[in-house]
Amino acid sequence: MTEFAGKVAVVTGGSQGIGAAVVSRLADAGASVVSCGLDDSAEVHADVTVAADMDRLMATAVERFGGIDVLVTSAGIQRYGTVVETSEALWDEVLDVNLKGVFLACRAAVPHLRARGGGAIVAVSSVQAFVSQQGVAAYAASKAAINALVRSMALDHAAERIRVNAVCPGSVDTPMLRWAADLFRGGSTVEETIAQWGRSHPLGRVAQAEEVAEVVAFLASDRASFVTGAEYRVDGGLLAVNPASLPPA
């Protein structure tokens, strides 16, 4: 696979979950990839909430490979609580990582994409940009804001041939989902809880990170050359469900 041969990609949150799957998918297709994270396995140790770290991340990609063609923003956290239960510090933590992190990464990357004559940005959002569960006020707000930011950037940078799109997954088997499953499993196991959540999707299961990475790769590629400002749902049909069922015939 050589679809991304000669291309340079930067992936935030690339050390685990969807981000790690994106790194593998792009690299397998020939891209030179630089990724960041905060854990020990991260290729580049960088905090998406710190502007200097994002500037350094982009500079690293340019120094190693000569430029940037693709940015994928995959860093994110999940926290729970209503607006009453959510402290100001918790609100700031979620919005800083999930939203400000996208802003800072894009702000640092766009000049380099512009210098290459264009490129692609893909932001990993969530179905909770459109619908919400109870008790996820900060998380849902951050994901809806990502989609609005994507639309704005798509318009602002279309003339520069920089395409900007969002991928909105449903439940995906990642360390973050497993952390949540352990938090809410009650008397069930983590596996049983994940299986239960999967049954809420019409396809009857949660996604694998690699399935989301396939859509990210499409949006980052020339195959999506006329796609910008879009929100791609990778949710196993979750948002197609009307919970009001018909009465028995």
Protein backbone atom coordinates (compact mmCIF):
# COMPACT_ATOMS: atom_id res chain seq x y z
CA MET A 1 0.00 0.00 0.00
CA THR A 2 1.58 3.26 -1.15
CA GLU A 3 -1.34 5.68 -1.06
CA PHE A 4 0.50 7.99 1.34
CA ALA A 5 4.00 7.50 -0.07
CA GLY A 6 5.89 10.77 0.18
CA LYS A 7 3.33 12.21 2.61
CA VAL A 8 4.06 13.34 6.15
CA ALA A 9 1.40 12.93 8.84
CA VAL A 10 1.21 14.19 12.41
CA VAL A 11 -1.12 12.41 14.85
CA THR A 12 -1.92 13.72 18.31
CA GLY A 13 -2.92 11.12 20.88
CA GLY A 14 -1.12 8.57 18.74
CA SER A 15 0.17 6.25 21.43
CA GLN A 16 -3.08 4.38 22.12
CA GLY A 17 -6.66 3.81 21.02
CA ILE A 18 -7.89 5.35 17.78
CA GLY A 19 -4.76 7.46 17.46
CA ALA A 20 -2.48 4.43 17.55
CA ALA A 21 -4.62 2.69 14.93
CA VAL A 22 -4.40 5.79 12.72
CA VAL A 23 -0.61 5.86 13.07
CA SER A 24 -0.40 2.23 11.97
CA ARG A 25 -2.86 2.69 9.09
CA LEU A 26 -1.09 5.72 7.64
CA ALA A 27 2.38 4.22 8.10
CA ASP A 28 1.28 0.98 6.43
CA ALA A 29 0.17 3.05 3.44
CA GLY A 30 3.57 4.69 3.11
CA ALA A 31 3.28 7.86 5.19
CA SER A 32 6.05 9.17 7.38
CA VAL A 33 4.28 9.64 10.72
CA VAL A 34 5.14 11.66 13.80
CA SER A 35 2.84 11.14 16.78
CA CYS A 36 2.61 12.44 20.31
CA GLY A 37 1.17 11.45 23.64
CA LEU A 38 1.80 11.73 27.36
CA ASP A 39 2.47 8.10 28.26
CA ASP A 40 5.86 6.39 28.24
CA SER A 41 5.19 4.72 24.87
CA ALA A 42 4.65 8.03 23.07
CA GLU A 43 7.01 8.72 20.16
CA VAL A 44 7.09 12.42 21.02
CA HIS A 45 6.17 13.39 24.56
CA ALA A 46 3.95 16.44 24.08
CA ASP A 47 0.89 17.93 25.76
CA VAL A 48 -1.83 19.09 23.36
CA THR A 49 -2.91 21.77 25.84
CA VAL A 50 0.49 23.51 25.66
CA ALA A 51 1.09 25.72 22.61
CA ALA A 52 4.85 25.34 22.76
CA ASP A 53 4.51 21.54 22.73
CA MET A 54 2.35 21.64 19.61
CA ASP A 55 4.78 24.01 17.91
CA ARG A 56 7.61 21.63 18.82
CA LEU A 57 5.66 18.62 17.53
CA MET A 58 5.13 20.22 14.11
CA ALA A 59 8.74 21.42 14.01
CA THR A 60 9.88 17.86 14.70
CA ALA A 61 7.90 16.55 11.73
CA VAL A 62 9.29 19.27 9.47
CA GLU A 63 12.85 18.67 10.66
CA ARG A 64 12.62 14.91 10.17
CA PHE A 65 10.66 14.73 6.93
CA GLY A 66 10.58 18.18 5.33
CA GLY A 67 6.97 19.25 5.88
CA ILE A 68 3.46 18.24 6.90
CA ASP A 69 0.64 17.01 4.64
CA VAL A 70 -1.82 15.50 7.12
CA LEU A 71 -2.83 16.30 10.69
CA VAL A 72 -5.04 13.96 12.70
CA THR A 73 -6.16 15.22 16.11
CA SER A 74 -7.02 12.19 18.20
CA ALA A 75 -6.07 13.19 21.74
CA GLY A 76 -9.07 13.20 24.06
CA ILE A 77 -10.36 12.39 27.52
CA GLN A 78 -13.73 11.40 28.98
CA ARG A 79 -15.04 12.69 32.28
CA TYR A 80 -18.50 12.36 33.83
CA GLY A 81 -20.89 14.72 35.56
CA THR A 82 -23.81 17.08 35.11
CA VAL A 83 -23.08 20.81 35.08
CA VAL A 84 -23.84 20.86 38.81
CA GLU A 85 -21.48 17.97 39.53
CA THR A 86 -18.73 19.23 37.22
CA SER A 87 -16.17 21.39 38.96
CA GLU A 88 -14.62 24.32 37.15
CA ALA A 89 -11.30 22.48 37.17
CA LEU A 90 -12.85 19.38 35.59
CA TRP A 91 -14.62 21.47 32.95
CA ASP A 92 -11.34 23.18 32.09
CA GLU A 93 -9.52 19.85 31.92
CA VAL A 94 -11.97 18.38 29.40
CA LEU A 95 -12.24 21.49 27.24
CA ASP A 96 -8.49 22.04 27.33
CA VAL A 97 -7.64 18.55 26.08
CA ASN A 98 -10.56 17.88 23.77
CA LEU A 99 -11.09 21.31 22.21
CA LYS A 100 -8.14 23.58 22.94
CA GLY A 101 -5.88 20.67 21.99
CA VAL A 102 -7.43 20.57 18.52
CA PHE A 103 -7.15 24.35 18.18
CA LEU A 104 -3.48 24.44 19.20
CA ALA A 105 -2.50 21.51 16.98
CA CYS A 106 -4.28 23.01 13.98
CA ARG A 107 -2.86 26.48 14.62
CA ALA A 108 0.64 25.02 14.69
CA ALA A 109 0.12 22.78 11.64
CA VAL A 110 -1.75 25.02 9.18
CA PRO A 111 1.26 27.14 8.16
CA HIS A 112 3.15 23.96 7.30
CA LEU A 113 0.21 22.53 5.36
CA ARG A 114 -0.04 25.84 3.53
CA ALA A 115 3.65 25.66 2.66
CA ARG A 116 3.06 22.27 1.00
CA GLY A 117 0.29 23.72 -1.16
CA GLY A 118 -2.52 22.17 0.89
CA GLY A 119 -3.31 19.05 2.85
CA ALA A 120 -5.86 17.45 5.13
CA ILE A 121 -6.88 17.79 8.76
CA VAL A 122 -9.05 15.12 10.38
CA ALA A 123 -10.41 15.72 13.88
CA VAL A 124 -11.62 12.76 15.93
CA SER A 125 -14.92 13.88 17.45
CA SER A 126 -17.80 11.70 18.69
CA VAL A 127 -21.45 10.85 18.15
CA GLN A 128 -21.92 12.87 21.33
CA ALA A 129 -21.42 15.96 19.20
CA PHE A 130 -24.99 15.22 18.03
CA VAL A 131 -26.67 13.33 20.89
CA SER A 132 -25.82 12.94 24.53
CA GLN A 133 -26.01 10.56 27.42
CA GLN A 134 -26.79 11.73 30.91
CA GLY A 135 -23.91 13.04 32.95
CA VAL A 136 -21.43 13.92 30.19
CA ALA A 137 -21.93 17.69 30.04
CA ALA A 138 -18.31 18.72 29.53
CA TYR A 139 -17.46 15.90 27.13
CA ALA A 140 -20.51 16.43 24.93
CA ALA A 141 -19.91 20.17 24.83
CA SER A 142 -16.29 19.65 23.81
CA LYS A 143 -17.19 17.31 20.96
CA ALA A 144 -19.94 19.53 19.58
CA ALA A 145 -17.48 22.42 19.64
CA ILE A 146 -14.93 20.36 17.69
CA ASN A 147 -17.47 19.92 14.89
CA ALA A 148 -18.17 23.64 14.82
CA LEU A 149 -14.44 24.36 14.71
CA VAL A 150 -14.02 21.89 11.84
CA ARG A 151 -16.69 23.67 9.81
CA SER A 152 -15.09 27.03 10.49
CA MET A 153 -11.60 25.87 9.52
CA ALA A 154 -12.93 24.16 6.40
CA LEU A 155 -14.27 27.50 5.19
CA ASP A 156 -11.28 29.54 6.32
CA HIS A 157 -8.72 27.35 4.58
CA ALA A 158 -10.55 26.01 1.52
CA ALA A 159 -8.82 28.49 -0.78
CA GLU A 160 -5.49 27.17 0.51
CA ARG A 161 -6.50 23.63 -0.48
CA ILE A 162 -6.55 22.51 3.14
CA ARG A 163 -9.49 20.17 3.75
CA VAL A 164 -10.84 19.80 7.29
CA ASN A 165 -13.23 17.05 8.37
CA ALA A 166 -14.45 15.31 11.51
CA VAL A 167 -14.86 11.62 12.28
CA CYS A 168 -17.56 10.90 14.86
CA PRO A 169 -17.30 7.39 16.30
CA GLY A 170 -19.81 5.59 18.46
CA SER A 171 -18.46 3.22 21.10
CA VAL A 172 -14.97 2.00 20.20
CA ASP A 173 -12.95 -0.65 22.02
CA THR A 174 -10.15 1.56 23.33
CA PRO A 175 -8.45 1.98 26.70
CA MET A 176 -10.76 4.94 27.36
CA LEU A 177 -13.88 2.82 26.75
CA ARG A 178 -12.51 0.05 28.96
CA TRP A 179 -11.82 2.59 31.72
CA ALA A 180 -15.44 3.73 31.46
CA ALA A 181 -16.72 0.15 31.39
CA ASP A 182 -14.81 -0.61 34.57
CA LEU A 183 -16.25 2.52 36.17
CA PHE A 184 -19.87 1.58 35.38
CA ARG A 185 -19.80 -2.22 35.27
CA GLY A 186 -21.52 -2.78 38.62
CA GLY A 187 -21.64 -6.53 39.14
CA SER A 188 -20.69 -7.30 35.52
CA THR A 189 -17.25 -7.73 34.02
CA VAL A 190 -15.67 -5.16 31.74
CA GLU A 191 -16.20 -7.48 28.77
CA GLU A 192 -19.88 -7.97 29.63
CA THR A 193 -20.37 -4.22 29.98
CA ILE A 194 -18.74 -3.51 26.64
CA ALA A 195 -20.87 -6.20 25.01
CA GLN A 196 -23.97 -4.63 26.53
CA TRP A 197 -23.03 -1.21 25.20
CA GLY A 198 -22.36 -2.80 21.82
CA ARG A 199 -25.90 -4.13 21.65
CA SER A 200 -27.20 -0.54 21.64
CA HIS A 201 -25.64 -0.17 18.16
CA PRO A 202 -27.69 -1.71 15.33
CA LEU A 203 -24.64 -3.68 14.20
CA GLY A 204 -24.67 -5.29 17.63
CA ARG A 205 -21.15 -4.52 18.80
CA VAL A 206 -18.69 -1.76 19.53
CA ALA A 207 -16.20 -0.72 16.85
CA GLN A 208 -12.55 -1.62 16.69
CA ALA A 209 -10.12 1.29 16.51
CA GLU A 210 -8.90 0.06 13.13
CA GLU A 211 -12.38 0.55 11.67
CA VAL A 212 -12.32 4.21 12.63
CA ALA A 213 -8.78 4.54 11.30
CA GLU A 214 -9.99 3.39 7.88
CA VAL A 215 -12.37 6.34 7.68
CA VAL A 216 -9.68 8.71 8.92
CA ALA A 217 -7.34 7.43 6.21
CA PHE A 218 -9.99 7.97 3.55
CA LEU A 219 -10.59 11.57 4.64
CA ALA A 220 -6.84 12.22 4.77
CA SER A 221 -6.31 10.82 1.28
CA ASP A 222 -6.79 12.20 -2.21
CA ARG A 223 -9.81 9.91 -2.53
CA ALA A 224 -11.65 12.52 -0.45
CA SER A 225 -10.39 15.43 -2.56
CA PHE A 226 -13.85 17.08 -2.71
CA VAL A 227 -14.76 16.45 0.93
CA THR A 228 -14.37 19.25 3.46
CA GLY A 229 -16.39 20.54 6.40
CA ALA A 230 -17.99 17.09 6.76
CA GLU A 231 -18.88 15.01 9.81
CA TYR A 232 -18.49 11.29 9.18
CA ARG A 233 -20.37 9.07 11.64
CA VAL A 234 -18.66 5.75 12.33
CA ASP A 235 -21.25 4.50 14.76
CA GLY A 236 -22.63 1.14 13.65
CA GLY A 237 -25.98 2.80 12.91
CA LEU A 238 -26.36 4.24 16.41
CA LEU A 239 -27.67 7.63 15.32
CA ALA A 240 -30.08 6.04 12.84
CA VAL A 241 -32.09 4.59 15.75
CA ASN A 242 -35.42 6.09 16.75
CA PRO A 243 -35.93 4.89 20.33
CA ALA A 244 -39.73 5.19 20.01
CA SER A 245 -40.70 1.69 18.82
CA LEU A 246 -43.86 0.86 16.92
CA PRO A 247 -46.62 -1.01 18.77
CA PRO A 248 -47.00 -4.71 17.97
CA ALA A 249 -48.94 -5.38 14.77
